[in-house]
Amino acid sequence: QTELGEAYAMADCLVLPSDYPETWGLVVNEALATGLPCVVSDAVGCAPDMIRDGESGYVYPLGNVEALAAALAKVRWRKAEGYDWRPHCRRTVGEFSYDATTAGLVHACRSVIRRSPGLEPSADVPLRVVACCGQMVIVGGVERMTFLMLNVLRPYGARVHCIVNGWENFRITPMVEEVHATWSV
């Protein structure tokens, strides 16, 4: 892992041709942070968020070798034309920093706790939260943070229901139950 920076520095782009649903693809974050454009299949979970066509790289349909080759040709052509990928790549990955993630979670929690204008807080009306936990199939940092935040609502009497994936949710559902939430697929 200590040699990754050197590998990224020597590369013209990162290719992540995952042929199975990749939950996120953390190597994309790493590559973008170094200013390296990425070409990823549409099976890579972070593709919709991190890959901005022509700015931070390209997404191609899984299994379409011609589209992969065309995306690589675009990267090569743009580099030859003098396009500087670095500022766009770094700006994109910067939107997914710990600070940005924390701000988003704080905003989400505050919006749930906030009462509608004109309604008086009442002990008879508990807070109700529906947490969309799709794409969570591993127990990683963001997943743990999500459930820590949901657990913070318990002392306020919140009722939390989590919607989880229909596939490989067995790692996430114990965390749902630890915060005394209900869940469904």
Protein backbone atom coordinates (compact mmCIF):
# COMPACT_ATOMS: atom_id res chain seq x y z
CA GLN A 1 0.00 0.00 0.00
CA THR A 2 2.91 2.37 0.59
CA GLU A 3 3.79 2.03 -3.11
CA LEU A 4 0.36 2.96 -4.47
CA GLY A 5 1.27 6.63 -4.90
CA GLU A 6 4.16 5.69 -7.14
CA ALA A 7 1.92 3.47 -9.26
CA TYR A 8 -0.67 6.23 -9.63
CA ALA A 9 2.07 8.73 -10.54
CA MET A 10 3.27 6.53 -13.41
CA ALA A 11 -0.21 5.86 -14.81
CA ASP A 12 -2.23 7.79 -17.38
CA CYS A 13 -5.54 6.55 -15.96
CA LEU A 14 -7.05 3.96 -13.65
CA VAL A 15 -9.25 1.26 -15.20
CA LEU A 16 -11.66 -0.61 -12.93
CA PRO A 17 -13.43 -3.13 -15.20
CA SER A 18 -15.36 -4.86 -12.43
CA ASP A 19 -17.56 -7.59 -13.83
CA TYR A 20 -19.63 -7.91 -10.66
CA PRO A 21 -21.47 -5.29 -8.58
CA GLU A 22 -18.68 -3.39 -6.85
CA THR A 23 -20.12 -1.71 -3.75
CA TRP A 24 -18.03 1.40 -4.19
CA GLY A 25 -14.51 1.02 -5.61
CA LEU A 26 -12.23 2.86 -3.20
CA VAL A 27 -9.33 2.77 -5.67
CA VAL A 28 -11.30 5.33 -7.69
CA ASN A 29 -11.18 7.76 -4.74
CA GLU A 30 -7.45 7.19 -4.42
CA ALA A 31 -6.78 7.68 -8.11
CA LEU A 32 -8.90 10.83 -8.33
CA ALA A 33 -7.14 12.26 -5.27
CA THR A 34 -3.87 12.01 -7.19
CA GLY A 35 -5.46 13.69 -10.22
CA LEU A 36 -5.71 10.50 -12.23
CA PRO A 37 -8.79 10.05 -14.47
CA CYS A 38 -10.71 6.78 -14.15
CA VAL A 39 -12.43 4.50 -16.64
CA VAL A 40 -14.87 2.19 -14.87
CA SER A 41 -17.60 -0.27 -15.78
CA ASP A 42 -21.16 0.62 -14.86
CA ALA A 43 -20.98 -2.19 -12.25
CA VAL A 44 -18.74 0.01 -10.08
CA GLY A 45 -20.83 1.50 -7.28
CA CYS A 46 -19.15 4.90 -7.19
CA ALA A 47 -19.51 5.49 -10.94
CA PRO A 48 -22.69 7.63 -10.78
CA ASP A 49 -21.19 9.84 -8.06
CA MET A 50 -17.49 10.03 -8.90
CA ILE A 51 -17.16 9.71 -12.66
CA ARG A 52 -18.14 12.86 -14.50
CA ASP A 53 -18.00 12.23 -18.22
CA GLY A 54 -14.93 13.92 -19.66
CA GLU A 55 -13.99 15.59 -16.38
CA SER A 56 -12.95 12.78 -14.04
CA GLY A 57 -13.12 9.92 -16.51
CA TYR A 58 -15.61 7.72 -18.31
CA VAL A 59 -18.10 4.95 -17.55
CA TYR A 60 -18.69 2.16 -20.04
CA PRO A 61 -21.33 -0.62 -20.07
CA LEU A 62 -20.16 -3.81 -18.40
CA GLY A 63 -18.80 -6.30 -20.91
CA ASN A 64 -18.69 -3.84 -23.81
CA VAL A 65 -15.04 -4.10 -24.85
CA GLU A 66 -15.50 -1.62 -27.70
CA ALA A 67 -16.87 1.01 -25.30
CA LEU A 68 -13.96 0.37 -22.92
CA ALA A 69 -11.48 0.82 -25.78
CA ALA A 70 -13.26 4.01 -26.88
CA ALA A 71 -13.12 5.43 -23.34
CA LEU A 72 -9.39 4.69 -23.11
CA ALA A 73 -8.89 6.33 -26.52
CA LYS A 74 -10.68 9.46 -25.24
CA VAL A 75 -8.39 9.63 -22.21
CA ARG A 76 -5.34 9.26 -24.44
CA TRP A 77 -6.60 11.85 -26.96
CA ARG A 78 -7.50 14.43 -24.30
CA LYS A 79 -4.12 13.98 -22.61
CA ALA A 80 -2.36 14.42 -25.98
CA GLU A 81 -4.37 17.62 -26.51
CA GLY A 82 -3.06 18.94 -23.19
CA TYR A 83 -6.18 18.52 -21.06
CA ASP A 84 -5.34 18.71 -17.36
CA TRP A 85 -7.42 16.12 -15.53
CA ARG A 86 -6.00 16.92 -12.10
CA PRO A 87 -8.17 19.85 -10.95
CA HIS A 88 -11.41 18.18 -12.04
CA CYS A 89 -10.48 14.83 -10.49
CA ARG A 90 -9.43 16.38 -7.19
CA ARG A 91 -12.52 18.59 -7.02
CA THR A 92 -14.76 15.56 -7.63
CA VAL A 93 -13.18 13.42 -4.93
CA GLY A 94 -13.17 16.42 -2.58
CA GLU A 95 -16.96 16.29 -2.56
CA PHE A 96 -16.66 12.90 -0.84
CA SER A 97 -14.25 13.87 1.93
CA TYR A 98 -14.82 13.08 5.60
CA ASP A 99 -15.83 16.71 6.13
CA ALA A 100 -18.43 16.53 3.34
CA THR A 101 -19.75 13.19 4.60
CA THR A 102 -19.98 14.46 8.17
CA ALA A 103 -21.76 17.63 7.06
CA GLY A 104 -24.25 15.53 5.08
CA LEU A 105 -24.97 13.25 8.03
CA VAL A 106 -25.40 16.19 10.40
CA HIS A 107 -27.76 17.86 7.91
CA ALA A 108 -29.77 14.64 7.52
CA CYS A 109 -30.11 14.17 11.28
CA ARG A 110 -31.08 17.78 11.86
CA SER A 111 -33.72 17.62 9.13
CA VAL A 112 -35.27 14.55 10.77
CA ILE A 113 -35.32 16.07 14.25
CA ARG A 114 -36.68 19.41 13.11
CA ARG A 115 -40.45 19.70 13.53
CA SER A 116 -42.78 21.02 10.87
CA PRO A 117 -43.60 24.73 11.22
CA GLY A 118 -46.62 25.32 13.41
CA LEU A 119 -46.60 21.97 15.13
CA GLU A 120 -45.95 21.90 18.82
CA PRO A 121 -43.59 19.17 19.96
CA SER A 122 -45.57 16.43 21.61
CA ALA A 123 -44.52 13.38 23.58
CA ASP A 124 -47.43 11.59 21.86
CA VAL A 125 -45.86 11.93 18.41
CA PRO A 126 -42.54 10.08 18.18
CA LEU A 127 -39.97 10.90 15.56
CA ARG A 128 -40.26 8.53 12.64
CA VAL A 129 -37.27 7.89 10.41
CA VAL A 130 -37.01 5.87 7.22
CA ALA A 131 -33.35 5.26 6.42
CA CYS A 132 -32.56 4.16 2.89
CA CYS A 133 -29.57 1.86 3.32
CA GLY A 134 -29.36 0.57 -0.23
CA GLN A 135 -25.88 -0.27 -1.57
CA MET A 136 -24.74 -1.18 1.94
CA VAL A 137 -23.27 -4.67 1.80
CA ILE A 138 -20.10 -4.26 3.83
CA VAL A 139 -19.52 -2.94 7.30
CA GLY A 140 -17.29 0.02 6.53
CA GLY A 141 -16.81 3.56 7.79
CA VAL A 142 -19.86 5.23 6.25
CA GLU A 143 -22.09 2.31 7.22
CA ARG A 144 -20.90 2.42 10.83
CA MET A 145 -21.35 6.21 10.91
CA THR A 146 -24.89 5.87 9.56
CA PHE A 147 -25.92 3.48 12.32
CA LEU A 148 -24.13 5.50 15.00
CA MET A 149 -26.17 8.52 13.89
CA LEU A 150 -29.41 6.53 13.88
CA ASN A 151 -28.61 5.28 17.38
CA VAL A 152 -28.29 8.91 18.56
CA LEU A 153 -32.00 9.33 17.84
CA ARG A 154 -33.07 6.55 20.23
CA PRO A 155 -33.05 8.67 23.42
CA TYR A 156 -35.52 10.98 21.66
CA GLY A 157 -37.95 8.09 21.18
CA ALA A 158 -37.39 7.89 17.46
CA ARG A 159 -38.79 4.95 15.57
CA VAL A 160 -36.35 4.00 12.83
CA HIS A 161 -37.02 1.72 9.88
CA CYS A 162 -34.20 0.84 7.47
CA ILE A 163 -34.66 -0.24 3.89
CA VAL A 164 -31.80 -2.58 2.96
CA ASN A 165 -30.61 -4.38 -0.17
CA GLY A 166 -32.24 -7.58 -1.25
CA TRP A 167 -28.75 -9.02 -1.78
CA GLU A 168 -26.01 -9.57 0.79
CA ASN A 169 -27.77 -7.58 3.52
CA PHE A 170 -26.74 -10.14 6.16
CA ARG A 171 -23.79 -7.93 7.17
CA ILE A 172 -25.93 -4.83 7.64
CA THR A 173 -29.08 -6.19 9.31
CA PRO A 174 -27.31 -6.98 12.63
CA MET A 175 -26.28 -3.31 12.78
CA VAL A 176 -29.91 -2.31 12.16
CA GLU A 177 -31.05 -4.51 15.00
CA GLU A 178 -28.32 -3.18 17.33
CA VAL A 179 -29.92 0.28 17.10
CA HIS A 180 -33.35 -1.29 17.75
CA ALA A 181 -34.61 -0.39 14.31
CA THR A 182 -36.86 -2.44 12.06
CA TRP A 183 -35.91 -3.32 8.51
CA SER A 184 -37.28 -4.51 5.22
CA VAL A 185 -35.90 -5.20 1.74
